[in-house]
PDB file of N, CA and C in Angstrom:
ATOM      1  N   MET A   1      18.787  24.081 -21.611  1.00  0.00           N
ATOM      2  CA  MET A   1      17.451  24.407 -21.189  1.00  0.00           C
ATOM      3  C   MET A   1      16.409  23.666 -22.008  1.00  0.00           C
ATOM      4  N   ASN A   2      16.665  23.549 -23.295  1.00  0.00           N
ATOM      5  CA  ASN A   2      15.705  22.888 -24.177  1.00  0.00           C
ATOM      6  C   ASN A   2      15.601  21.395 -23.860  1.00  0.00           C
ATOM      7  N   ILE A   3      16.717  20.796 -23.427  1.00  0.00           N
ATOM      8  CA  ILE A   3      16.705  19.374 -23.088  1.00  0.00           C
ATOM      9  C   ILE A   3      15.815  19.141 -21.866  1.00  0.00           C
ATOM     10  N   ILE A   4      15.898  20.009 -20.885  1.00  0.00           N
ATOM     11  CA  ILE A   4      15.088  19.864 -19.678  1.00  0.00           C
ATOM     12  C   ILE A   4      13.605  20.019 -20.010  1.00  0.00           C
ATOM     13  N   ALA A   5      13.287  20.956 -20.870  1.00  0.00           N
ATOM     14  CA  ALA A   5      11.883  21.144 -21.258  1.00  0.00           C
ATOM     15  C   ALA A   5      11.361  19.919 -22.010  1.00  0.00           C
ATOM     16  N   ASP A   6      12.202  19.340 -22.877  1.00  0.00           N
ATOM     17  CA  ASP A   6      11.794  18.129 -23.596  1.00  0.00           C
ATOM     18  C   ASP A   6      11.599  16.954 -22.653  1.00  0.00           C
ATOM     19  N   LEU A   7      12.497  16.820 -21.675  1.00  0.00           N
ATOM     20  CA  LEU A   7      12.359  15.739 -20.699  1.00  0.00           C
ATOM     21  C   LEU A   7      11.096  15.915 -19.867  1.00  0.00           C
ATOM     22  N   LYS A   8      10.819  17.146 -19.477  1.00  0.00           N
ATOM     23  CA  LYS A   8       9.609  17.416 -18.697  1.00  0.00           C
ATOM     24  C   LYS A   8       8.359  17.100 -19.512  1.00  0.00           C
ATOM     25  N   LYS A   9       8.369  17.479 -20.778  1.00  0.00           N
ATOM     26  CA  LYS A   9       7.228  17.203 -21.652  1.00  0.00           C
ATOM     27  C   LYS A   9       7.048  15.692 -21.838  1.00  0.00           C
ATOM     28  N   SER A  10       8.154  14.970 -22.017  1.00  0.00           N
ATOM     29  CA  SER A  10       8.079  13.518 -22.178  1.00  0.00           C
ATOM     30  C   SER A  10       7.582  12.848 -20.905  1.00  0.00           C
ATOM     31  N   LEU A  11       8.043  13.331 -19.760  1.00  0.00           N
ATOM     32  CA  LEU A  11       7.618  12.755 -18.489  1.00  0.00           C
ATOM     33  C   LEU A  11       6.131  12.977 -18.257  1.00  0.00           C
ATOM     34  N   VAL A  12       5.656  14.173 -18.562  1.00  0.00           N
ATOM     35  CA  VAL A  12       4.229  14.465 -18.410  1.00  0.00           C
ATOM     36  C   VAL A  12       3.402  13.583 -19.340  1.00  0.00           C
ATOM     37  N   GLN A  13       3.894  13.373 -20.550  1.00  0.00           N
ATOM     38  CA  GLN A  13       3.181  12.527 -21.511  1.00  0.00           C
ATOM     39  C   GLN A  13       3.123  11.079 -21.027  1.00  0.00           C
ATOM     40  N   VAL A  14       4.226  10.577 -20.476  1.00  0.00           N
ATOM     41  CA  VAL A  14       4.256   9.202 -19.967  1.00  0.00           C
ATOM     42  C   VAL A  14       3.295   9.051 -18.789  1.00  0.00           C
ATOM     43  N   VAL A  15       3.310  10.012 -17.861  1.00  0.00           N
ATOM     44  CA  VAL A  15       2.427   9.944 -16.696  1.00  0.00           C
ATOM     45  C   VAL A  15       0.964  10.005 -17.127  1.00  0.00           C
ATOM     46  N   ASP A  16       0.648  10.864 -18.083  1.00  0.00           N
ATOM     47  CA  ASP A  16      -0.725  10.951 -18.584  1.00  0.00           C
ATOM     48  C   ASP A  16      -1.163   9.655 -19.249  1.00  0.00           C
ATOM     49  N   THR A  17      -0.280   9.059 -20.044  1.00  0.00           N
ATOM     50  CA  THR A  17      -0.610   7.807 -20.730  1.00  0.00           C
ATOM     51  C   THR A  17      -0.831   6.671 -19.728  1.00  0.00           C
ATOM     52  N   VAL A  18       0.084   6.556 -18.764  1.00  0.00           N
ATOM     53  CA  VAL A  18      -0.039   5.495 -17.762  1.00  0.00           C
ATOM     54  C   VAL A  18      -1.309   5.703 -16.938  1.00  0.00           C
ATOM     55  N   GLY A  19      -1.585   6.948 -16.551  1.00  0.00           N
ATOM     56  CA  GLY A  19      -2.788   7.232 -15.763  1.00  0.00           C
ATOM     57  C   GLY A  19      -4.065   6.919 -16.511  1.00  0.00           C
ATOM     58  N   SER A  20      -4.127   7.287 -17.774  1.00  0.00           N
ATOM     59  CA  SER A  20      -5.348   7.013 -18.541  1.00  0.00           C
ATOM     60  C   SER A  20      -5.525   5.517 -18.783  1.00  0.00           C
ATOM     61  N   GLU A  21      -4.449   4.791 -19.052  1.00  0.00           N
ATOM     62  CA  GLU A  21      -4.547   3.342 -19.237  1.00  0.00           C
ATOM     63  C   GLU A  21      -4.946   2.652 -17.932  1.00  0.00           C
ATOM     64  N   TYR A  22      -4.416   3.137 -16.806  1.00  0.00           N
ATOM     65  CA  TYR A  22      -4.773   2.563 -15.513  1.00  0.00           C
ATOM     66  C   TYR A  22      -6.260   2.756 -15.241  1.00  0.00           C
ATOM     67  N   LYS A  23      -6.769   3.966 -15.456  1.00  0.00           N
ATOM     68  CA  LYS A  23      -8.185   4.241 -15.222  1.00  0.00           C
ATOM     69  C   LYS A  23      -9.080   3.422 -16.137  1.00  0.00           C
ATOM     70  N   LYS A  24      -8.617   3.194 -17.355  1.00  0.00           N
ATOM     71  CA  LYS A  24      -9.438   2.480 -18.333  1.00  0.00           C
ATOM     72  C   LYS A  24      -9.435   0.971 -18.095  1.00  0.00           C
ATOM     73  N   ASN A  25      -8.315   0.411 -17.682  1.00  0.00           N
ATOM     74  CA  ASN A  25      -8.176  -1.042 -17.643  1.00  0.00           C
ATOM     75  C   ASN A  25      -8.389  -1.682 -16.274  1.00  0.00           C
ATOM     76  N   GLN A  26      -8.323  -0.923 -15.182  1.00  0.00           N
ATOM     77  CA  GLN A  26      -8.434  -1.514 -13.855  1.00  0.00           C
ATOM     78  C   GLN A  26      -9.871  -1.450 -13.349  1.00  0.00           C
ATOM     79  N   THR A  27     -10.240  -2.454 -12.573  1.00  0.00           N
ATOM     80  CA  THR A  27     -11.573  -2.488 -11.989  1.00  0.00           C
ATOM     81  C   THR A  27     -11.620  -1.601 -10.742  1.00  0.00           C
ATOM     82  N   LYS A  28     -12.828  -1.386 -10.255  1.00  0.00           N
ATOM     83  CA  LYS A  28     -13.010  -0.553  -9.071  1.00  0.00           C
ATOM     84  C   LYS A  28     -12.386  -1.217  -7.842  1.00  0.00           C
ATOM     85  N   LYS A  29     -12.492  -2.538  -7.751  1.00  0.00           N
ATOM     86  CA  LYS A  29     -11.892  -3.261  -6.624  1.00  0.00           C
ATOM     87  C   LYS A  29     -10.380  -3.078  -6.596  1.00  0.00           C
ATOM     88  N   THR A  30      -9.762  -3.198  -7.753  1.00  0.00           N
ATOM     89  CA  THR A  30      -8.314  -3.051  -7.834  1.00  0.00           C
ATOM     90  C   THR A  30      -7.894  -1.634  -7.465  1.00  0.00           C
ATOM     91  N   LYS A  31      -8.649  -0.656  -7.914  1.00  0.00           N
ATOM     92  CA  LYS A  31      -8.327   0.739  -7.584  1.00  0.00           C
ATOM     93  C   LYS A  31      -8.451   0.980  -6.083  1.00  0.00           C
ATOM     94  N   MET A  32      -9.451   0.365  -5.455  1.00  0.00           N
ATOM     95  CA  MET A  32      -9.621   0.526  -4.009  1.00  0.00           C
ATOM     96  C   MET A  32      -8.458  -0.100  -3.244  1.00  0.00           C
ATOM     97  N   VAL A  33      -8.017  -1.277  -3.662  1.00  0.00           N
ATOM     98  CA  VAL A  33      -6.890  -1.929  -3.006  1.00  0.00           C
ATOM     99  C   VAL A  33      -5.622  -1.105  -3.222  1.00  0.00           C
ATOM    100  N   ASP A  34      -5.436  -0.579  -4.426  1.00  0.00           N
ATOM    101  CA  ASP A  34      -4.275   0.260  -4.702  1.00  0.00           C
ATOM    102  C   ASP A  34      -4.297   1.529  -3.847  1.00  0.00           C
ATOM    103  N   ALA A  35      -5.471   2.119  -3.678  1.00  0.00           N
ATOM    104  CA  ALA A  35      -5.585   3.313  -2.834  1.00  0.00           C
ATOM    105  C   ALA A  35      -5.232   2.969  -1.388  1.00  0.00           C
ATOM    106  N   TRP A  36      -5.655   1.803  -0.926  1.00  0.00           N
ATOM    107  CA  TRP A  36      -5.319   1.358   0.430  1.00  0.00           C
ATOM    108  C   TRP A  36      -3.804   1.211   0.579  1.00  0.00           C
ATOM    109  N   CYS A  37      -3.161   0.629  -0.417  1.00  0.00           N
ATOM    110  CA  CYS A  37      -1.706   0.434  -0.348  1.00  0.00           C
ATOM    111  C   CYS A  37      -0.964   1.769  -0.376  1.00  0.00           C
ATOM    112  N   VAL A  38      -1.422   2.698  -1.186  1.00  0.00           N
ATOM    113  CA  VAL A  38      -0.803   4.021  -1.211  1.00  0.00           C
ATOM    114  C   VAL A  38      -0.987   4.712   0.133  1.00  0.00           C
ATOM    115  N   TYR A  39      -2.162   4.574   0.719  1.00  0.00           N
ATOM    116  CA  TYR A  39      -2.420   5.150   2.046  1.00  0.00           C
ATOM    117  C   TYR A  39      -1.464   4.557   3.085  1.00  0.00           C
ATOM    118  N   CYS A  40      -1.262   3.253   3.048  1.00  0.00           N
ATOM    119  CA  CYS A  40      -0.370   2.613   4.021  1.00  0.00           C
ATOM    120  C   CYS A  40       1.060   3.114   3.873  1.00  0.00           C
ATOM    121  N   LEU A  41       1.540   3.224   2.641  1.00  0.00           N
ATOM    122  CA  LEU A  41       2.896   3.723   2.428  1.00  0.00           C
ATOM    123  C   LEU A  41       3.016   5.190   2.825  1.00  0.00           C
ATOM    124  N   ALA A  42       2.002   5.992   2.519  1.00  0.00           N
ATOM    125  CA  ALA A  42       2.045   7.410   2.880  1.00  0.00           C
ATOM    126  C   ALA A  42       2.050   7.583   4.397  1.00  0.00           C
ATOM    127  N   THR A  43       1.264   6.794   5.098  1.00  0.00           N
ATOM    128  CA  THR A  43       1.231   6.890   6.555  1.00  0.00           C
ATOM    129  C   THR A  43       2.552   6.449   7.163  1.00  0.00           C
ATOM    130  N   ALA A  44       3.171   5.417   6.596  1.00  0.00           N
ATOM    131  CA  ALA A  44       4.488   4.996   7.074  1.00  0.00           C
ATOM    132  C   ALA A  44       5.516   6.102   6.839  1.00  0.00           C
ATOM    133  N   ALA A  45       5.440   6.768   5.699  1.00  0.00           N
ATOM    134  CA  ALA A  45       6.368   7.869   5.418  1.00  0.00           C
ATOM    135  C   ALA A  45       6.153   9.028   6.391  1.00  0.00           C
ATOM    136  N   VAL A  46       4.900   9.325   6.711  1.00  0.00           N
ATOM    137  CA  VAL A  46       4.613  10.397   7.671  1.00  0.00           C
ATOM    138  C   VAL A  46       5.175  10.032   9.038  1.00  0.00           C
ATOM    139  N   GLN A  47       5.070   8.778   9.429  1.00  0.00           N
ATOM    140  CA  GLN A  47       5.608   8.358  10.717  1.00  0.00           C
ATOM    141  C   GLN A  47       7.126   8.502  10.754  1.00  0.00           C
ATOM    142  N   VAL A  48       7.785   8.155   9.662  1.00  0.00           N
ATOM    143  CA  VAL A  48       9.247   8.297   9.607  1.00  0.00           C
ATOM    144  C   VAL A  48       9.634   9.770   9.659  1.00  0.00           C
ATOM    145  N   MET A  49       8.912  10.605   8.925  1.00  0.00           N
ATOM    146  CA  MET A  49       9.206  12.042   8.949  1.00  0.00           C
ATOM    147  C   MET A  49       8.979  12.616  10.357  1.00  0.00           C
ATOM    148  N   TYR A  50       7.927  12.195  11.011  1.00  0.00           N
ATOM    149  CA  TYR A  50       7.659  12.640  12.375  1.00  0.00           C
ATOM    150  C   TYR A  50       8.784  12.217  13.306  1.00  0.00           C
ATOM    151  N   MET A  51       9.235  10.990  13.176  1.00  0.00           N
ATOM    152  CA  MET A  51      10.304  10.484  14.023  1.00  0.00           C
ATOM    153  C   MET A  51      11.594  11.258  13.779  1.00  0.00           C
ATOM    154  N   LEU A  52      11.875  11.606  12.519  1.00  0.00           N
ATOM    155  CA  LEU A  52      13.090  12.351  12.212  1.00  0.00           C
ATOM    156  C   LEU A  52      13.039  13.787  12.727  1.00  0.00           C
ATOM    157  N   THR A  53      11.861  14.386  12.725  1.00  0.00           N
ATOM    158  CA  THR A  53      11.762  15.780  13.154  1.00  0.00           C
ATOM    159  C   THR A  53      11.566  15.923  14.665  1.00  0.00           C
ATOM    160  N   VAL A  54      10.750  15.096  15.274  1.00  0.00           N
ATOM    161  CA  VAL A  54      10.423  15.250  16.693  1.00  0.00           C
ATOM    162  C   VAL A  54      11.315  14.382  17.572  1.00  0.00           C
ATOM    163  N   GLY A  55      11.600  13.200  17.126  1.00  0.00           N
ATOM    164  CA  GLY A  55      12.394  12.277  17.923  1.00  0.00           C
ATOM    165  C   GLY A  55      11.679  10.952  18.069  1.00  0.00           C
ATOM    166  N   SER A  56      12.397  10.008  18.638  1.00  0.00           N
ATOM    167  CA  SER A  56      11.841   8.653  18.731  1.00  0.00           C
ATOM    168  C   SER A  56      11.863   8.169  20.174  1.00  0.00           C
ATOM    169  N   TYR A  57      11.345   8.984  21.084  1.00  0.00           N
ATOM    170  CA  TYR A  57      11.398   8.591  22.494  1.00  0.00           C
ATOM    171  C   TYR A  57      10.709   7.250  22.748  1.00  0.00           C
ATOM    172  N   PRO A  58       9.438   7.081  22.468  1.00  0.00           N
ATOM    173  CA  PRO A  58       8.912   5.717  22.632  1.00  0.00           C
ATOM    174  C   PRO A  58       9.196   4.923  21.352  1.00  0.00           C
ATOM    175  N   PHE A  59      10.448   4.444  21.235  1.00  0.00           N
ATOM    176  CA  PHE A  59      10.892   3.831  19.985  1.00  0.00           C
ATOM    177  C   PHE A  59      10.089   2.589  19.648  1.00  0.00           C
ATOM    178  N   ASN A  60       9.661   1.830  20.656  1.00  0.00           N
ATOM    179  CA  ASN A  60       8.873   0.641  20.355  1.00  0.00           C
ATOM    180  C   ASN A  60       7.521   1.008  19.747  1.00  0.00           C
ATOM    181  N   SER A  61       6.957   2.159  20.141  1.00  0.00           N
ATOM    182  CA  SER A  61       5.698   2.603  19.527  1.00  0.00           C
ATOM    183  C   SER A  61       5.912   3.008  18.072  1.00  0.00           C
ATOM    184  N   PHE A  62       7.032   3.667  17.812  1.00  0.00           N
ATOM    185  CA  PHE A  62       7.356   4.021  16.424  1.00  0.00           C
ATOM    186  C   PHE A  62       7.514   2.762  15.581  1.00  0.00           C
ATOM    187  N   LEU A  63       8.275   1.802  16.078  1.00  0.00           N
ATOM    188  CA  LEU A  63       8.478   0.563  15.325  1.00  0.00           C
ATOM    189  C   LEU A  63       7.164  -0.183  15.122  1.00  0.00           C
ATOM    190  N   ALA A  64       6.331  -0.214  16.135  1.00  0.00           N
ATOM    191  CA  ALA A  64       5.052  -0.907  16.013  1.00  0.00           C
ATOM    192  C   ALA A  64       4.200  -0.257  14.930  1.00  0.00           C
ATOM    193  N   GLY A  65       4.120   1.063  14.933  1.00  0.00           N
ATOM    194  CA  GLY A  65       3.331   1.755  13.917  1.00  0.00           C
ATOM    195  C   GLY A  65       3.901   1.580  12.520  1.00  0.00           C
ATOM    196  N   LEU A  66       5.221   1.675  12.404  1.00  0.00           N
ATOM    197  CA  LEU A  66       5.853   1.526  11.093  1.00  0.00           C
ATOM    198  C   LEU A  66       5.679   0.110  10.546  1.00  0.00           C
ATOM    199  N   PHE A  67       5.950  -0.881  11.374  1.00  0.00           N
ATOM    200  CA  PHE A  67       5.798  -2.261  10.922  1.00  0.00           C
ATOM    201  C   PHE A  67       4.344  -2.589  10.624  1.00  0.00           C
ATOM    202  N   CYS A  68       3.431  -1.999  11.371  1.00  0.00           N
ATOM    203  CA  CYS A  68       2.009  -2.226  11.121  1.00  0.00           C
ATOM    204  C   CYS A  68       1.634  -1.742   9.722  1.00  0.00           C
ATOM    205  N   HIS A  69       2.058  -0.544   9.356  1.00  0.00           N
ATOM    206  CA  HIS A  69       1.694  -0.023   8.040  1.00  0.00           C
ATOM    207  C   HIS A  69       2.420  -0.748   6.915  1.00  0.00           C
ATOM    208  N   ILE A  70       3.647  -1.177   7.158  1.00  0.00           N
ATOM    209  CA  ILE A  70       4.351  -1.955   6.137  1.00  0.00           C
ATOM    210  C   ILE A  70       3.676  -3.314   5.952  1.00  0.00           C
ATOM    211  N   ALA A  71       3.263  -3.934   7.044  1.00  0.00           N
ATOM    212  CA  ALA A  71       2.565  -5.224   6.939  1.00  0.00           C
ATOM    213  C   ALA A  71       1.209  -5.057   6.267  1.00  0.00           C
ATOM    214  N   MET A  72       0.491  -3.959   6.582  1.00  0.00           N
ATOM    215  CA  MET A  72      -0.793  -3.723   5.925  1.00  0.00           C
ATOM    216  C   MET A  72      -0.602  -3.530   4.424  1.00  0.00           C
ATOM    217  N   PHE A  73       0.500  -2.881   4.025  1.00  0.00           N
ATOM    218  CA  PHE A  73       0.815  -2.753   2.601  1.00  0.00           C
ATOM    219  C   PHE A  73       1.026  -4.135   1.984  1.00  0.00           C
ATOM    220  N   GLY A  74       1.759  -4.986   2.677  1.00  0.00           N
ATOM    221  CA  GLY A  74       1.989  -6.343   2.174  1.00  0.00           C
ATOM    222  C   GLY A  74       0.702  -7.139   2.053  1.00  0.00           C
ATOM    223  N   PHE A  75      -0.181  -7.021   3.042  1.00  0.00           N
ATOM    224  CA  PHE A  75      -1.473  -7.701   2.962  1.00  0.00           C
ATOM    225  C   PHE A  75      -2.305  -7.168   1.800  1.00  0.00           C
ATOM    226  N   GLY A  76      -2.235  -5.865   1.580  1.00  0.00           N
ATOM    227  CA  GLY A  76      -2.968  -5.262   0.460  1.00  0.00           C
ATOM    228  C   GLY A  76      -2.453  -5.750  -0.882  1.00  0.00           C
ATOM    229  N   MET A  77      -1.148  -5.864  -1.015  1.00  0.00           N
ATOM    230  CA  MET A  77      -0.584  -6.373  -2.267  1.00  0.00           C
ATOM    231  C   MET A  77      -0.963  -7.836  -2.484  1.00  0.00           C
ATOM    232  N   SER A  78      -0.989  -8.593  -1.405  1.00  0.00           N
ATOM    233  CA  SER A  78      -1.411  -9.987  -1.505  1.00  0.00           C
ATOM    234  C   SER A  78      -2.864 -10.084  -1.960  1.00  0.00           C
ATOM    235  N   LEU A  79      -3.712  -9.247  -1.384  1.00  0.00           N
ATOM    236  CA  LEU A  79      -5.118  -9.220  -1.800  1.00  0.00           C
ATOM    237  C   LEU A  79      -5.236  -8.823  -3.264  1.00  0.00           C
ATOM    238  N   ARG A  80      -4.454  -7.851  -3.686  1.00  0.00           N
ATOM    239  CA  ARG A  80      -4.501  -7.402  -5.090  1.00  0.00           C
ATOM    240  C   ARG A  80      -4.090  -8.533  -6.031  1.00  0.00           C
ATOM    241  N   PHE A  81      -3.034  -9.240  -5.683  1.00  0.00           N
ATOM    242  CA  PHE A  81      -2.594 -10.354  -6.533  1.00  0.00           C
ATOM    243  C   PHE A  81      -3.650 -11.447  -6.604  1.00  0.00           C
ATOM    244  N   GLN A  82      -4.309 -11.729  -5.488  1.00  0.00           N
ATOM    245  CA  GLN A  82      -5.326 -12.769  -5.481  1.00  0.00           C
ATOM    246  C   GLN A  82      -6.554 -12.357  -6.273  1.00  0.00           C
ATOM    247  N   ILE A  83      -6.869 -11.074  -6.277  1.00  0.00           N
ATOM    248  CA  ILE A  83      -8.040 -10.600  -7.016  1.00  0.00           C
ATOM    249  C   ILE A  83      -7.757 -10.500  -8.511  1.00  0.00           C
ATOM    250  N   THR A  84      -6.562 -10.006  -8.874  1.00  0.00           N
ATOM    251  CA  THR A  84      -6.287  -9.721 -10.287  1.00  0.00           C
ATOM    252  C   THR A  84      -5.767 -10.915 -11.073  1.00  0.00           C
ATOM    253  N   SER A  85      -5.279 -11.944 -10.414  1.00  0.00           N
ATOM    254  CA  SER A  85      -4.781 -13.103 -11.153  1.00  0.00           C
ATOM    255  C   SER A  85      -5.456 -14.377 -10.658  1.00  0.00           C
ATOM    256  N   PRO A  86      -6.697 -14.597 -11.077  1.00  0.00           N
ATOM    257  CA  PRO A  86      -7.421 -15.779 -10.602  1.00  0.00           C
ATOM    258  C   PRO A  86      -6.830 -17.092 -11.121  1.00  0.00           C
ATOM    259  N   GLY A  87      -6.058 -17.047 -12.187  1.00  0.00           N
ATOM    260  CA  GLY A  87      -5.442 -18.266 -12.697  1.00  0.00           C
ATOM    261  C   GLY A  87      -4.402 -18.827 -11.744  1.00  0.00           C
ATOM    262  N   ASP A  88      -3.669 -17.941 -11.074  1.00  0.00           N
ATOM    263  CA  ASP A  88      -2.655 -18.383 -10.127  1.00  0.00           C
ATOM    264  C   ASP A  88      -3.261 -18.805  -8.789  1.00  0.00           C
ATOM    265  N   PHE A  89      -4.419 -18.267  -8.468  1.00  0.00           N
ATOM    266  CA  PHE A  89      -5.091 -18.568  -7.206  1.00  0.00           C
ATOM    267  C   PHE A  89      -6.472 -19.137  -7.510  1.00  0.00           C
ATOM    268  N   ALA A  90      -6.512 -20.222  -8.240  1.00  0.00           N
ATOM    269  CA  ALA A  90      -7.791 -20.795  -8.685  1.00  0.00           C
ATOM    270  C   ALA A  90      -8.627 -21.306  -7.515  1.00  0.00           C
ATOM    271  N   SER A  91      -7.978 -21.770  -6.467  1.00  0.00           N
ATOM    272  CA  SER A  91      -8.736 -22.331  -5.345  1.00  0.00           C
ATOM    273  C   SER A  91      -9.202 -21.266  -4.356  1.00  0.00           C
ATOM    274  N   VAL A  92      -8.822 -19.995  -4.572  1.00  0.00           N
ATOM    275  CA  VAL A  92      -9.172 -18.925  -3.640  1.00  0.00           C
ATOM    276  C   VAL A  92     -10.197 -18.011  -4.300  1.00  0.00           C
ATOM    277  N   THR A  93     -11.384 -17.941  -3.715  1.00  0.00           N
ATOM    278  CA  THR A  93     -12.405 -17.034  -4.234  1.00  0.00           C
ATOM    279  C   THR A  93     -12.110 -15.614  -3.744  1.00  0.00           C
ATOM    280  N   PRO A  94     -12.641 -14.602  -4.413  1.00  0.00           N
ATOM    281  CA  PRO A  94     -12.429 -13.230  -3.925  1.00  0.00           C
ATOM    282  C   PRO A  94     -12.956 -13.004  -2.509  1.00  0.00           C
ATOM    283  N   GLU A  95     -14.044 -13.673  -2.154  1.00  0.00           N
ATOM    284  CA  GLU A  95     -14.572 -13.549  -0.799  1.00  0.00           C
ATOM    285  C   GLU A  95     -13.615 -14.146   0.221  1.00  0.00           C
ATOM    286  N   ARG A  96     -13.017 -15.263  -0.119  1.00  0.00           N
ATOM    287  CA  ARG A  96     -12.040 -15.897   0.773  1.00  0.00           C
ATOM    288  C   ARG A  96     -10.798 -15.033   0.894  1.00  0.00           C
ATOM    289  N   ALA A  97     -10.374 -14.429  -0.211  1.00  0.00           N
ATOM    290  CA  ALA A  97      -9.209 -13.547  -0.170  1.00  0.00           C
ATOM    291  C   ALA A  97      -9.469 -12.353   0.741  1.00  0.00           C
ATOM    292  N   LEU A  98     -10.665 -11.785   0.668  1.00  0.00           N
ATOM    293  CA  LEU A  98     -11.008 -10.659   1.537  1.00  0.00           C
ATOM    294  C   LEU A  98     -11.082 -11.098   2.993  1.00  0.00           C
ATOM    295  N   ALA A  99     -11.635 -12.273   3.244  1.00  0.00           N
ATOM    296  CA  ALA A  99     -11.701 -12.784   4.613  1.00  0.00           C
ATOM    297  C   ALA A  99     -10.298 -13.009   5.180  1.00  0.00           C
ATOM    298  N   ASP A 100      -9.395 -13.548   4.380  1.00  0.00           N
ATOM    299  CA  ASP A 100      -8.008 -13.715   4.813  1.00  0.00           C
ATOM    300  C   ASP A 100      -7.357 -12.363   5.105  1.00  0.00           C
ATOM    301  N   PHE A 101      -7.646 -11.388   4.258  1.00  0.00           N
ATOM    302  CA  PHE A 101      -7.120 -10.030   4.422  1.00  0.00           C
ATOM    303  C   PHE A 101      -7.579  -9.443   5.757  1.00  0.00           C
ATOM    304  N   VAL A 102      -8.852  -9.573   6.070  1.00  0.00           N
ATOM    305  CA  VAL A 102      -9.388  -9.028   7.318  1.00  0.00           C
ATOM    306  C   VAL A 102      -8.838  -9.789   8.522  1.00  0.00           C
ATOM    307  N   PHE A 103      -8.764 -11.110   8.433  1.00  0.00           N
ATOM    308  CA  PHE A 103      -8.247 -11.907   9.537  1.00  0.00           C
ATOM    309  C   PHE A 103      -6.784 -11.569   9.820  1.00  0.00           C
ATOM    310  N   CYS A 104      -5.994 -11.438   8.776  1.00  0.00           N
ATOM    311  CA  CYS A 104      -4.579 -11.078   8.965  1.00  0.00           C
ATOM    312  C   CYS A 104      -4.439  -9.704   9.611  1.00  0.00           C
ATOM    313  N   HIS A 105      -5.311  -8.774   9.245  1.00  0.00           N
ATOM    314  CA  HIS A 105      -5.270  -7.459   9.874  1.00  0.00           C
ATOM    315  C   HIS A 105      -5.622  -7.546  11.359  1.00  0.00           C
ATOM    316  N   LEU A 106      -6.602  -8.350  11.709  1.00  0.00           N
ATOM    317  CA  LEU A 106      -6.965  -8.494  13.119  1.00  0.00           C
ATOM    318  C   LEU A 106      -5.806  -9.068  13.926  1.00  0.00           C
ATOM    319  N   VAL A 107      -5.161 -10.097  13.405  1.00  0.00           N
ATOM    320  CA  VAL A 107      -4.009 -10.683  14.094  1.00  0.00           C
ATOM    321  C   VAL A 107      -2.885  -9.658  14.196  1.00  0.00           C
ATOM    322  N   LEU A 108      -2.646  -8.926  13.109  1.00  0.00           N
ATOM    323  CA  LEU A 108      -1.598  -7.901  13.109  1.00  0.00           C
ATOM    324  C   LEU A 108      -1.867  -6.833  14.168  1.00  0.00           C
ATOM    325  N   PHE A 109      -3.107  -6.395  14.280  1.00  0.00           N
ATOM    326  CA  PHE A 109      -3.418  -5.347  15.246  1.00  0.00           C
ATOM    327  C   PHE A 109      -3.211  -5.831  16.680  1.00  0.00           C
ATOM    328  N   PHE A 110      -3.542  -7.084  16.968  1.00  0.00           N
ATOM    329  CA  PHE A 110      -3.292  -7.606  18.307  1.00  0.00           C
ATOM    330  C   PHE A 110      -1.793  -7.699  18.591  1.00  0.00           C
ATOM    331  N   VAL A 111      -1.008  -8.100  17.609  1.00  0.00           N
ATOM    332  CA  VAL A 111       0.447  -8.184  17.785  1.00  0.00           C
ATOM    333  C   VAL A 111       1.030  -6.792  18.001  1.00  0.00           C
ATOM    334  N   VAL A 112       0.606  -5.844  17.195  1.00  0.00           N
ATOM    335  CA  VAL A 112       1.110  -4.463  17.328  1.00  0.00           C
ATOM    336  C   VAL A 112       0.697  -3.888  18.678  1.00  0.00           C
ATOM    337  N   TRP A 113      -0.527  -4.132  19.098  1.00  0.00           N
ATOM    338  CA  TRP A 113      -1.006  -3.621  20.375  1.00  0.00           C
ATOM    339  C   TRP A 113      -0.152  -4.168  21.522  1.00  0.00           C
ATOM    340  N   SER A 114       0.206  -5.434  21.454  1.00  0.00           N
ATOM    341  CA  SER A 114       1.022  -6.010  22.524  1.00  0.00           C
ATOM    342  C   SER A 114       2.467  -5.513  22.447  1.00  0.00           C
ATOM    343  N   PHE A 115       2.951  -5.210  21.243  1.00  0.00           N
ATOM    344  CA  PHE A 115       4.330  -4.734  21.105  1.00  0.00           C
ATOM    345  C   PHE A 115       4.464  -3.294  21.593  1.00  0.00           C
ATOM    346  N   MET A 116       3.403  -2.501  21.442  1.00  0.00           N
ATOM    347  CA  MET A 116       3.487  -1.098  21.876  1.00  0.00           C
ATOM    348  C   MET A 116       3.645  -0.978  23.387  1.00  0.00           C
ATOM    349  N   GLY A 117       3.194  -1.961  24.102  1.00  0.00           N
ATOM    350  CA  GLY A 117       3.373  -1.931  25.570  1.00  0.00           C
ATOM    351  C   GLY A 117       2.270  -1.318  26.220  1.00  0.00           C
TER     352      GLY A 117
END
């Protein structure tokens, strides 16, 4: 019992430390992109849970929604990398990265719309 309590205390301490360092060191833009990515993953998880509980009758609609949120997560991570590491993306300004992010989403939505039928 004492081992479990120690592990729980250590885990809480690690989560608190990581959370405080994240809040202190990350910019508002990065936090917004991270929130978007968490939202995309959470929505994909909700869709999978819905499919498991209710069923997957229009399976192409389920796949379209799931792939859409997974792709949006990928676009969000790409935007985050372009914003947080300007040395690796020296030729890409943050405005250009955001424009690419929005354009990719527009193309993705048209593809998903056509796949849903």
